[in-house]
Amino acid sequence: MPSMVVRQPDGLLAGFNSVVDDFSFYGATREEAIKFFVEHGELSWQDAEAKVERGLLDQDPWAPNGPPGSGHDRWDDCLGTIVFRHGEARLRERLALLGFPFYPVDGIIANRADPERDFDGNITPSPTL
């Protein structure tokens, strides 16, 4: 399962699945996140610990030995992916479900929304001239 760990605004952890471009778990402690990856057969305990630590450090997932992020880089990137793939309505639905209905997303939406996609991520035909 291609996924990464992200720190939520409340400090708890979420797992973001890059196959479905959505969260696979949320509201987890460090230990719960490690257990999730071990139980789903993805990683050994040691590898799961390392994956969670990279999430806690907010490191760029494509540069796992890189410097720590700002603390919300991975989170914001996941939100941007949701809005791009599934639309603004799904993003706001997820934030409400996770307990962050007022998280500032206008900049994320402006940077990642694709006006040619509907809320289900389907490409809509452009009008012909």
N, C-alpha and C. Protein backbone atom coordinates (compact mmCIF):
# COMPACT_ATOMS: atom_id res chain seq x y z
N MET A 1 0.85 -1.18 0.00
CA MET A 1 0.00 0.00 0.00
C MET A 1 0.90 1.24 0.00
N PRO A 2 1.00 1.96 -1.09
CA PRO A 2 1.80 3.19 -1.13
C PRO A 2 1.15 4.25 -0.25
N SER A 3 1.86 4.65 0.77
CA SER A 3 1.28 5.61 1.70
C SER A 3 2.37 6.36 2.44
N MET A 4 1.96 7.43 3.08
CA MET A 4 2.88 8.18 3.92
C MET A 4 2.15 8.63 5.17
N VAL A 5 2.92 8.94 6.18
CA VAL A 5 2.39 9.40 7.45
C VAL A 5 2.46 10.92 7.46
N VAL A 6 1.37 11.54 7.90
CA VAL A 6 1.34 13.00 8.01
C VAL A 6 0.87 13.39 9.40
N ARG A 7 1.39 14.51 9.87
CA ARG A 7 0.96 15.03 11.16
C ARG A 7 -0.24 15.94 10.95
N GLN A 8 -1.32 15.64 11.66
CA GLN A 8 -2.53 16.46 11.61
C GLN A 8 -2.29 17.75 12.39
N PRO A 9 -3.12 18.76 12.19
CA PRO A 9 -2.96 20.01 12.93
C PRO A 9 -3.02 19.84 14.46
N ASP A 10 -3.68 18.79 14.94
CA ASP A 10 -3.77 18.56 16.38
C ASP A 10 -2.61 17.73 16.92
N GLY A 11 -1.64 17.38 16.06
CA GLY A 11 -0.48 16.63 16.49
C GLY A 11 -0.61 15.13 16.34
N LEU A 12 -1.83 14.61 16.15
CA LEU A 12 -2.01 13.19 15.91
C LEU A 12 -1.61 12.87 14.47
N LEU A 13 -1.60 11.61 14.13
CA LEU A 13 -1.10 11.19 12.83
C LEU A 13 -2.20 10.61 11.94
N ALA A 14 -1.99 10.76 10.65
CA ALA A 14 -2.87 10.18 9.65
C ALA A 14 -2.01 9.47 8.62
N GLY A 15 -2.59 8.47 7.97
CA GLY A 15 -1.93 7.80 6.87
C GLY A 15 -2.61 8.21 5.58
N PHE A 16 -1.82 8.61 4.60
CA PHE A 16 -2.39 9.03 3.32
C PHE A 16 -2.02 8.00 2.27
N ASN A 17 -3.04 7.43 1.63
CA ASN A 17 -2.86 6.40 0.62
C ASN A 17 -2.80 7.06 -0.75
N SER A 18 -1.69 6.87 -1.45
CA SER A 18 -1.51 7.54 -2.74
C SER A 18 -2.16 6.77 -3.89
N VAL A 19 -2.74 5.61 -3.63
CA VAL A 19 -3.48 4.90 -4.68
C VAL A 19 -4.87 5.53 -4.82
N VAL A 20 -5.55 5.73 -3.70
CA VAL A 20 -6.90 6.30 -3.74
C VAL A 20 -6.89 7.80 -3.46
N ASP A 21 -5.70 8.35 -3.17
CA ASP A 21 -5.55 9.77 -2.88
C ASP A 21 -6.50 10.23 -1.78
N ASP A 22 -6.43 9.51 -0.67
CA ASP A 22 -7.26 9.83 0.49
C ASP A 22 -6.63 9.21 1.73
N PHE A 23 -7.17 9.58 2.88
CA PHE A 23 -6.63 9.07 4.14
C PHE A 23 -7.08 7.64 4.38
N SER A 24 -6.15 6.80 4.83
CA SER A 24 -6.46 5.41 5.17
C SER A 24 -6.70 5.26 6.67
N PHE A 25 -6.13 6.14 7.47
CA PHE A 25 -6.42 6.20 8.89
C PHE A 25 -6.13 7.62 9.36
N TYR A 26 -6.67 7.97 10.50
CA TYR A 26 -6.44 9.31 11.05
C TYR A 26 -6.65 9.28 12.56
N GLY A 27 -6.18 10.32 13.23
CA GLY A 27 -6.35 10.42 14.68
C GLY A 27 -5.53 9.41 15.45
N ALA A 28 -4.40 8.98 14.89
CA ALA A 28 -3.59 7.93 15.50
C ALA A 28 -2.43 8.50 16.30
N THR A 29 -2.08 7.79 17.36
CA THR A 29 -0.85 8.09 18.08
C THR A 29 0.31 7.49 17.31
N ARG A 30 1.52 7.77 17.73
CA ARG A 30 2.72 7.21 17.10
C ARG A 30 2.63 5.68 17.10
N GLU A 31 2.31 5.11 18.24
CA GLU A 31 2.26 3.65 18.36
C GLU A 31 1.14 3.05 17.50
N GLU A 32 -0.01 3.71 17.45
CA GLU A 32 -1.12 3.21 16.62
C GLU A 32 -0.76 3.24 15.14
N ALA A 33 -0.05 4.27 14.71
CA ALA A 33 0.36 4.36 13.31
C ALA A 33 1.34 3.25 12.96
N ILE A 34 2.30 3.01 13.84
CA ILE A 34 3.27 1.92 13.61
C ILE A 34 2.52 0.60 13.51
N LYS A 35 1.62 0.36 14.44
CA LYS A 35 0.86 -0.88 14.45
C LYS A 35 0.04 -1.06 13.17
N PHE A 36 -0.53 0.04 12.66
CA PHE A 36 -1.30 -0.02 11.42
C PHE A 36 -0.45 -0.59 10.29
N PHE A 37 0.76 -0.06 10.12
CA PHE A 37 1.60 -0.51 9.01
C PHE A 37 2.09 -1.93 9.20
N VAL A 38 2.34 -2.33 10.43
CA VAL A 38 2.78 -3.70 10.69
C VAL A 38 1.62 -4.68 10.45
N GLU A 39 0.44 -4.35 10.97
CA GLU A 39 -0.70 -5.27 10.86
C GLU A 39 -1.21 -5.42 9.43
N HIS A 40 -1.01 -4.41 8.63
CA HIS A 40 -1.48 -4.50 7.24
C HIS A 40 -0.41 -5.11 6.33
N GLY A 41 0.61 -5.68 6.96
CA GLY A 41 1.60 -6.44 6.22
C GLY A 41 2.53 -5.63 5.36
N GLU A 42 2.55 -4.32 5.57
CA GLU A 42 3.38 -3.49 4.71
C GLU A 42 4.83 -3.45 5.18
N LEU A 43 5.05 -3.36 6.49
CA LEU A 43 6.40 -3.12 7.00
C LEU A 43 6.69 -3.91 8.26
N SER A 44 7.99 -4.11 8.51
CA SER A 44 8.41 -4.64 9.80
C SER A 44 8.22 -3.53 10.84
N TRP A 45 8.29 -3.90 12.10
CA TRP A 45 8.13 -2.90 13.16
C TRP A 45 9.18 -1.80 13.01
N GLN A 46 10.42 -2.18 12.75
CA GLN A 46 11.51 -1.20 12.61
C GLN A 46 11.28 -0.27 11.42
N ASP A 47 10.86 -0.82 10.30
CA ASP A 47 10.60 0.02 9.12
C ASP A 47 9.38 0.92 9.35
N ALA A 48 8.38 0.40 10.04
CA ALA A 48 7.20 1.21 10.36
C ALA A 48 7.57 2.36 11.28
N GLU A 49 8.44 2.10 12.26
CA GLU A 49 8.90 3.18 13.14
C GLU A 49 9.60 4.27 12.35
N ALA A 50 10.45 3.88 11.41
CA ALA A 50 11.18 4.85 10.59
C ALA A 50 10.21 5.67 9.73
N LYS A 51 9.21 5.00 9.17
CA LYS A 51 8.21 5.68 8.34
C LYS A 51 7.45 6.72 9.17
N VAL A 52 7.04 6.35 10.36
CA VAL A 52 6.31 7.25 11.24
C VAL A 52 7.20 8.42 11.66
N GLU A 53 8.46 8.15 11.96
CA GLU A 53 9.38 9.23 12.35
C GLU A 53 9.55 10.25 11.22
N ARG A 54 9.62 9.76 9.97
CA ARG A 54 9.72 10.69 8.84
C ARG A 54 8.47 11.57 8.77
N GLY A 55 7.32 10.98 9.07
CA GLY A 55 6.08 11.76 9.11
C GLY A 55 6.10 12.78 10.23
N LEU A 56 6.59 12.37 11.40
CA LEU A 56 6.66 13.31 12.53
C LEU A 56 7.61 14.47 12.24
N LEU A 57 8.68 14.18 11.49
CA LEU A 57 9.62 15.24 11.10
C LEU A 57 9.12 16.05 9.91
N ASP A 58 8.05 15.59 9.28
CA ASP A 58 7.47 16.26 8.12
C ASP A 58 8.47 16.34 6.97
N GLN A 59 9.28 15.28 6.83
CA GLN A 59 10.27 15.26 5.75
C GLN A 59 9.59 15.05 4.41
N ASP A 60 10.21 15.58 3.37
CA ASP A 60 9.73 15.37 2.01
C ASP A 60 9.72 13.86 1.75
N PRO A 61 8.57 13.28 1.39
CA PRO A 61 8.52 11.83 1.18
C PRO A 61 9.41 11.33 0.05
N TRP A 62 9.82 12.22 -0.84
CA TRP A 62 10.69 11.83 -1.96
C TRP A 62 12.16 11.99 -1.61
N ALA A 63 12.45 12.57 -0.44
CA ALA A 63 13.82 12.73 0.04
C ALA A 63 13.85 12.34 1.51
N PRO A 64 13.73 11.02 1.81
CA PRO A 64 13.54 10.58 3.19
C PRO A 64 14.66 10.96 4.15
N ASN A 65 15.82 11.28 3.67
CA ASN A 65 16.91 11.70 4.56
C ASN A 65 17.08 13.21 4.55
N GLY A 66 16.11 13.91 4.00
CA GLY A 66 16.18 15.36 3.91
C GLY A 66 15.89 16.05 5.24
N PRO A 67 15.95 17.35 5.21
CA PRO A 67 15.71 18.11 6.44
C PRO A 67 14.23 18.08 6.84
N PRO A 68 13.94 18.36 8.09
CA PRO A 68 12.54 18.42 8.54
C PRO A 68 11.78 19.51 7.78
N GLY A 69 10.47 19.29 7.63
CA GLY A 69 9.62 20.27 6.99
C GLY A 69 9.13 21.30 7.98
N SER A 70 8.15 22.07 7.57
CA SER A 70 7.62 23.15 8.40
C SER A 70 6.70 22.65 9.51
N GLY A 71 6.29 21.39 9.43
CA GLY A 71 5.36 20.84 10.40
C GLY A 71 4.00 20.56 9.79
N HIS A 72 3.74 21.18 8.65
CA HIS A 72 2.45 20.95 7.98
C HIS A 72 2.61 20.78 6.47
N ASP A 73 3.82 20.60 5.99
CA ASP A 73 4.05 20.43 4.55
C ASP A 73 3.35 19.19 3.99
N ARG A 74 3.56 18.05 4.63
CA ARG A 74 2.93 16.82 4.14
C ARG A 74 1.41 16.92 4.22
N TRP A 75 0.91 17.47 5.32
CA TRP A 75 -0.53 17.62 5.51
C TRP A 75 -1.12 18.44 4.37
N ASP A 76 -0.53 19.60 4.14
CA ASP A 76 -1.03 20.48 3.08
C ASP A 76 -0.92 19.83 1.70
N ASP A 77 0.15 19.07 1.48
CA ASP A 77 0.30 18.39 0.20
C ASP A 77 -0.81 17.35 0.00
N CYS A 78 -1.15 16.62 1.07
CA CYS A 78 -2.24 15.64 0.98
C CYS A 78 -3.57 16.33 0.70
N LEU A 79 -3.81 17.45 1.36
CA LEU A 79 -5.05 18.19 1.11
C LEU A 79 -5.11 18.68 -0.33
N GLY A 80 -3.97 19.11 -0.85
CA GLY A 80 -3.91 19.54 -2.24
C GLY A 80 -4.20 18.40 -3.20
N THR A 81 -3.71 17.22 -2.88
CA THR A 81 -3.99 16.05 -3.71
C THR A 81 -5.47 15.71 -3.69
N ILE A 82 -6.09 15.77 -2.51
CA ILE A 82 -7.52 15.48 -2.41
C ILE A 82 -8.32 16.46 -3.26
N VAL A 83 -8.01 17.75 -3.16
CA VAL A 83 -8.79 18.72 -3.92
C VAL A 83 -8.56 18.55 -5.42
N PHE A 84 -7.35 18.18 -5.82
CA PHE A 84 -7.07 17.99 -7.24
C PHE A 84 -7.77 16.75 -7.78
N ARG A 85 -7.74 15.65 -7.03
CA ARG A 85 -8.32 14.40 -7.50
C ARG A 85 -9.82 14.29 -7.29
N HIS A 86 -10.30 14.86 -6.18
CA HIS A 86 -11.70 14.64 -5.81
C HIS A 86 -12.54 15.90 -5.71
N GLY A 87 -11.92 17.07 -5.72
CA GLY A 87 -12.66 18.33 -5.67
C GLY A 87 -12.76 18.95 -4.29
N GLU A 88 -13.16 20.21 -4.30
CA GLU A 88 -13.25 20.99 -3.07
C GLU A 88 -14.27 20.42 -2.09
N ALA A 89 -15.39 19.93 -2.59
CA ALA A 89 -16.42 19.38 -1.70
C ALA A 89 -15.88 18.21 -0.89
N ARG A 90 -15.15 17.31 -1.54
CA ARG A 90 -14.57 16.16 -0.82
C ARG A 90 -13.54 16.63 0.20
N LEU A 91 -12.74 17.62 -0.18
CA LEU A 91 -11.74 18.14 0.76
C LEU A 91 -12.42 18.68 2.01
N ARG A 92 -13.43 19.48 1.84
CA ARG A 92 -14.13 20.05 2.99
C ARG A 92 -14.83 18.97 3.82
N GLU A 93 -15.34 17.95 3.14
CA GLU A 93 -15.96 16.82 3.83
C GLU A 93 -14.94 16.09 4.71
N ARG A 94 -13.75 15.85 4.15
CA ARG A 94 -12.70 15.18 4.90
C ARG A 94 -12.25 16.01 6.10
N LEU A 95 -12.08 17.30 5.89
CA LEU A 95 -11.64 18.15 7.00
C LEU A 95 -12.67 18.16 8.13
N ALA A 96 -13.95 18.18 7.78
CA ALA A 96 -15.00 18.12 8.81
C ALA A 96 -14.95 16.78 9.54
N LEU A 97 -14.79 15.69 8.80
CA LEU A 97 -14.71 14.36 9.39
C LEU A 97 -13.53 14.26 10.35
N LEU A 98 -12.42 14.84 9.96
CA LEU A 98 -11.20 14.77 10.78
C LEU A 98 -11.22 15.75 11.94
N GLY A 99 -12.21 16.65 11.97
CA GLY A 99 -12.31 17.59 13.07
C GLY A 99 -11.64 18.93 12.82
N PHE A 100 -11.37 19.26 11.56
CA PHE A 100 -10.71 20.52 11.22
C PHE A 100 -11.51 21.31 10.18
N PRO A 101 -12.79 21.58 10.44
CA PRO A 101 -13.62 22.23 9.43
C PRO A 101 -13.17 23.65 9.09
N PHE A 102 -12.37 24.25 9.95
CA PHE A 102 -11.95 25.64 9.71
C PHE A 102 -10.48 25.75 9.34
N TYR A 103 -9.86 24.62 8.97
CA TYR A 103 -8.46 24.67 8.55
C TYR A 103 -8.37 25.53 7.30
N PRO A 104 -7.41 26.48 7.25
CA PRO A 104 -7.33 27.38 6.09
C PRO A 104 -6.88 26.65 4.82
N VAL A 105 -7.79 26.55 3.86
CA VAL A 105 -7.49 25.79 2.63
C VAL A 105 -7.62 26.62 1.36
N ASP A 106 -7.96 27.88 1.46
CA ASP A 106 -8.16 28.67 0.24
C ASP A 106 -6.93 28.68 -0.65
N GLY A 107 -5.76 28.83 -0.05
CA GLY A 107 -4.52 28.82 -0.83
C GLY A 107 -4.24 27.47 -1.45
N ILE A 108 -4.53 26.41 -0.70
CA ILE A 108 -4.34 25.05 -1.21
C ILE A 108 -5.27 24.81 -2.39
N ILE A 109 -6.51 25.22 -2.25
CA ILE A 109 -7.49 25.03 -3.33
C ILE A 109 -7.08 25.82 -4.56
N ALA A 110 -6.67 27.05 -4.37
CA ALA A 110 -6.27 27.90 -5.50
C ALA A 110 -5.07 27.31 -6.23
N ASN A 111 -4.15 26.71 -5.50
CA ASN A 111 -2.94 26.17 -6.11
C ASN A 111 -3.13 24.81 -6.76
N ARG A 112 -4.10 24.02 -6.29
CA ARG A 112 -4.20 22.64 -6.76
C ARG A 112 -5.47 22.30 -7.51
N ALA A 113 -6.51 23.10 -7.38
CA ALA A 113 -7.77 22.75 -8.04
C ALA A 113 -7.61 22.84 -9.55
N ASP A 114 -8.20 21.91 -10.23
CA ASP A 114 -8.18 21.88 -11.69
C ASP A 114 -9.59 22.20 -12.17
N PRO A 115 -9.78 23.34 -12.82
CA PRO A 115 -11.13 23.72 -13.22
C PRO A 115 -11.78 22.79 -14.23
N GLU A 116 -10.99 21.90 -14.86
CA GLU A 116 -11.57 20.97 -15.83
C GLU A 116 -11.99 19.65 -15.20
N ARG A 117 -11.88 19.52 -13.87
CA ARG A 117 -12.29 18.29 -13.19
C ARG A 117 -13.54 18.56 -12.38
N ASP A 118 -14.45 17.59 -12.38
CA ASP A 118 -15.62 17.74 -11.53
C ASP A 118 -15.28 17.23 -10.13
N PHE A 119 -16.25 17.18 -9.23
CA PHE A 119 -15.97 16.81 -7.86
C PHE A 119 -15.60 15.34 -7.68
N ASP A 120 -15.79 14.52 -8.68
CA ASP A 120 -15.38 13.13 -8.59
C ASP A 120 -14.04 12.89 -9.27
N GLY A 121 -13.39 13.95 -9.72
CA GLY A 121 -12.09 13.82 -10.37
C GLY A 121 -12.17 13.49 -11.84
N ASN A 122 -13.36 13.49 -12.42
CA ASN A 122 -13.51 13.19 -13.84
C ASN A 122 -13.20 14.43 -14.67
N ILE A 123 -12.55 14.21 -15.80
CA ILE A 123 -12.27 15.30 -16.71
C ILE A 123 -13.56 15.71 -17.40
N THR A 124 -13.86 16.98 -17.37
CA THR A 124 -15.05 17.47 -18.06
C THR A 124 -14.61 18.06 -19.40
N PRO A 125 -15.40 17.85 -20.42
CA PRO A 125 -15.00 18.38 -21.73
C PRO A 125 -14.97 19.90 -21.74
N SER A 126 -13.97 20.44 -22.39
CA SER A 126 -13.88 21.89 -22.53
C SER A 126 -14.85 22.33 -23.61
N PRO A 127 -15.48 23.48 -23.41
CA PRO A 127 -16.40 23.95 -24.45
C PRO A 127 -15.61 24.27 -25.71
N THR A 128 -16.19 23.96 -26.82
CA THR A 128 -15.54 24.25 -28.09
C THR A 128 -16.00 25.64 -28.57
N LEU A 129 -15.13 26.31 -29.24
CA LEU A 129 -15.45 27.64 -29.73
C LEU A 129 -16.01 27.60 -31.13
